[in-house]
Amino acid sequence: MAVANGQDAGLAWDSLVRGSLDQVERDKIKTALLDYCGQDTLALTALLQKLREAEFTAQETGLVHHESV
């Protein structure tokens, strides 16, 4: 993956908005950022789902007695 972490994403974004890149390079960076951010978002939604499942299970077993936020 051309953009593999948050630091790479920040540097890529900076070069995209501040750099004097040709259209081909701009398109490559844009695609790399969209790929990275898409994977990042997918991971966060999977994590959220697991947390919700864990909370539901805890509530079913009586381990949690408060309402979720």
C-alpha atoms as a PDB file:
ATOM      1  CA  MET A   1       0.000   0.000   0.000  1.00  0.00           C
ATOM      2  CA  ALA A   2       1.475   3.345  -1.027  1.00  0.00           C
ATOM      3  CA  VAL A   3       0.036   5.032   2.082  1.00  0.00           C
ATOM      4  CA  ALA A   4       0.409   2.564   4.933  1.00  0.00           C
ATOM      5  CA  ASN A   5      -0.050   4.619   8.100  1.00  0.00           C
ATOM      6  CA  GLY A   6      -1.161   7.960   9.470  1.00  0.00           C
ATOM      7  CA  GLN A   7       2.214   9.599   9.008  1.00  0.00           C
ATOM      8  CA  ASP A   8       2.303   8.529   5.356  1.00  0.00           C
ATOM      9  CA  ALA A   9      -1.223   9.861   4.943  1.00  0.00           C
ATOM     10  CA  GLY A  10      -0.256  13.232   6.382  1.00  0.00           C
ATOM     11  CA  LEU A  11       2.759  13.529   4.132  1.00  0.00           C
ATOM     12  CA  ALA A  12       0.764  12.435   1.097  1.00  0.00           C
ATOM     13  CA  TRP A  13      -1.972  14.953   1.864  1.00  0.00           C
ATOM     14  CA  ASP A  14       0.596  17.718   2.303  1.00  0.00           C
ATOM     15  CA  SER A  15       2.218  16.943  -1.041  1.00  0.00           C
ATOM     16  CA  LEU A  16      -1.219  16.807  -2.645  1.00  0.00           C
ATOM     17  CA  VAL A  17      -2.355  20.221  -1.446  1.00  0.00           C
ATOM     18  CA  ARG A  18       0.981  22.060  -1.363  1.00  0.00           C
ATOM     19  CA  GLY A  19       3.078  20.341  -3.974  1.00  0.00           C
ATOM     20  CA  SER A  20       3.553  21.231  -7.586  1.00  0.00           C
ATOM     21  CA  LEU A  21       2.704  17.798  -8.892  1.00  0.00           C
ATOM     22  CA  ASP A  22       1.526  16.868 -12.338  1.00  0.00           C
ATOM     23  CA  GLN A  23      -1.944  15.430 -12.737  1.00  0.00           C
ATOM     24  CA  VAL A  24      -0.699  11.828 -12.915  1.00  0.00           C
ATOM     25  CA  GLU A  25       1.082  12.129  -9.547  1.00  0.00           C
ATOM     26  CA  ARG A  26      -1.904  13.922  -8.012  1.00  0.00           C
ATOM     27  CA  ASP A  27      -4.184  11.098  -9.156  1.00  0.00           C
ATOM     28  CA  LYS A  28      -1.814   8.451  -7.730  1.00  0.00           C
ATOM     29  CA  ILE A  29      -1.682  10.200  -4.351  1.00  0.00           C
ATOM     30  CA  LYS A  30      -5.436  10.728  -4.291  1.00  0.00           C
ATOM     31  CA  THR A  31      -6.038   7.042  -5.029  1.00  0.00           C
ATOM     32  CA  ALA A  32      -3.516   5.987  -2.364  1.00  0.00           C
ATOM     33  CA  LEU A  33      -5.191   8.227   0.224  1.00  0.00           C
ATOM     34  CA  LEU A  34      -8.659   6.954  -0.642  1.00  0.00           C
ATOM     35  CA  ASP A  35      -7.437   3.352  -0.377  1.00  0.00           C
ATOM     36  CA  TYR A  36      -5.764   3.974   2.986  1.00  0.00           C
ATOM     37  CA  CYS A  37      -8.674   5.943   4.432  1.00  0.00           C
ATOM     38  CA  GLY A  38     -11.143   3.336   3.209  1.00  0.00           C
ATOM     39  CA  GLN A  39      -9.219   0.572   4.990  1.00  0.00           C
ATOM     40  CA  ASP A  40      -8.884   2.726   8.098  1.00  0.00           C
ATOM     41  CA  THR A  41     -12.627   3.400   8.141  1.00  0.00           C
ATOM     42  CA  LEU A  42     -13.412  -0.282   7.583  1.00  0.00           C
ATOM     43  CA  ALA A  43     -11.207  -1.218  10.548  1.00  0.00           C
ATOM     44  CA  LEU A  44     -12.892   1.361  12.776  1.00  0.00           C
ATOM     45  CA  THR A  45     -16.374   0.184  11.861  1.00  0.00           C
ATOM     46  CA  ALA A  46     -15.360  -3.446  12.552  1.00  0.00           C
ATOM     47  CA  LEU A  47     -13.968  -2.386  15.929  1.00  0.00           C
ATOM     48  CA  LEU A  48     -17.144  -0.490  16.759  1.00  0.00           C
ATOM     49  CA  GLN A  49     -19.238  -3.530  15.846  1.00  0.00           C
ATOM     50  CA  LYS A  50     -17.144  -5.782  18.117  1.00  0.00           C
ATOM     51  CA  LEU A  51     -17.451  -3.300  20.981  1.00  0.00           C
ATOM     52  CA  ARG A  52     -21.212  -3.156  20.543  1.00  0.00           C
ATOM     53  CA  GLU A  53     -21.397  -6.967  20.496  1.00  0.00           C
ATOM     54  CA  ALA A  54     -19.269  -7.174  23.644  1.00  0.00           C
ATOM     55  CA  GLU A  55     -21.472  -4.605  25.394  1.00  0.00           C
ATOM     56  CA  PHE A  56     -24.627  -6.486  24.361  1.00  0.00           C
ATOM     57  CA  THR A  57     -23.178  -9.761  25.657  1.00  0.00           C
ATOM     58  CA  ALA A  58     -22.160  -8.104  28.917  1.00  0.00           C
ATOM     59  CA  GLN A  59     -25.657  -6.685  29.335  1.00  0.00           C
ATOM     60  CA  GLU A  60     -27.243 -10.080  28.643  1.00  0.00           C
ATOM     61  CA  THR A  61     -25.118 -11.745  31.303  1.00  0.00           C
ATOM     62  CA  GLY A  62     -25.800  -9.002  33.824  1.00  0.00           C
ATOM     63  CA  LEU A  63     -22.199  -7.804  33.893  1.00  0.00           C
ATOM     64  CA  VAL A  64     -23.221  -4.306  32.848  1.00  0.00           C
ATOM     65  CA  HIS A  65     -26.038  -2.413  34.527  1.00  0.00           C
ATOM     66  CA  HIS A  66     -25.899   0.934  32.732  1.00  0.00           C
ATOM     67  CA  GLU A  67     -27.247   2.183  29.456  1.00  0.00           C
ATOM     68  CA  SER A  68     -24.875   2.694  26.542  1.00  0.00           C
ATOM     69  CA  VAL A  69     -24.060   6.184  25.378  1.00  0.00           C
END
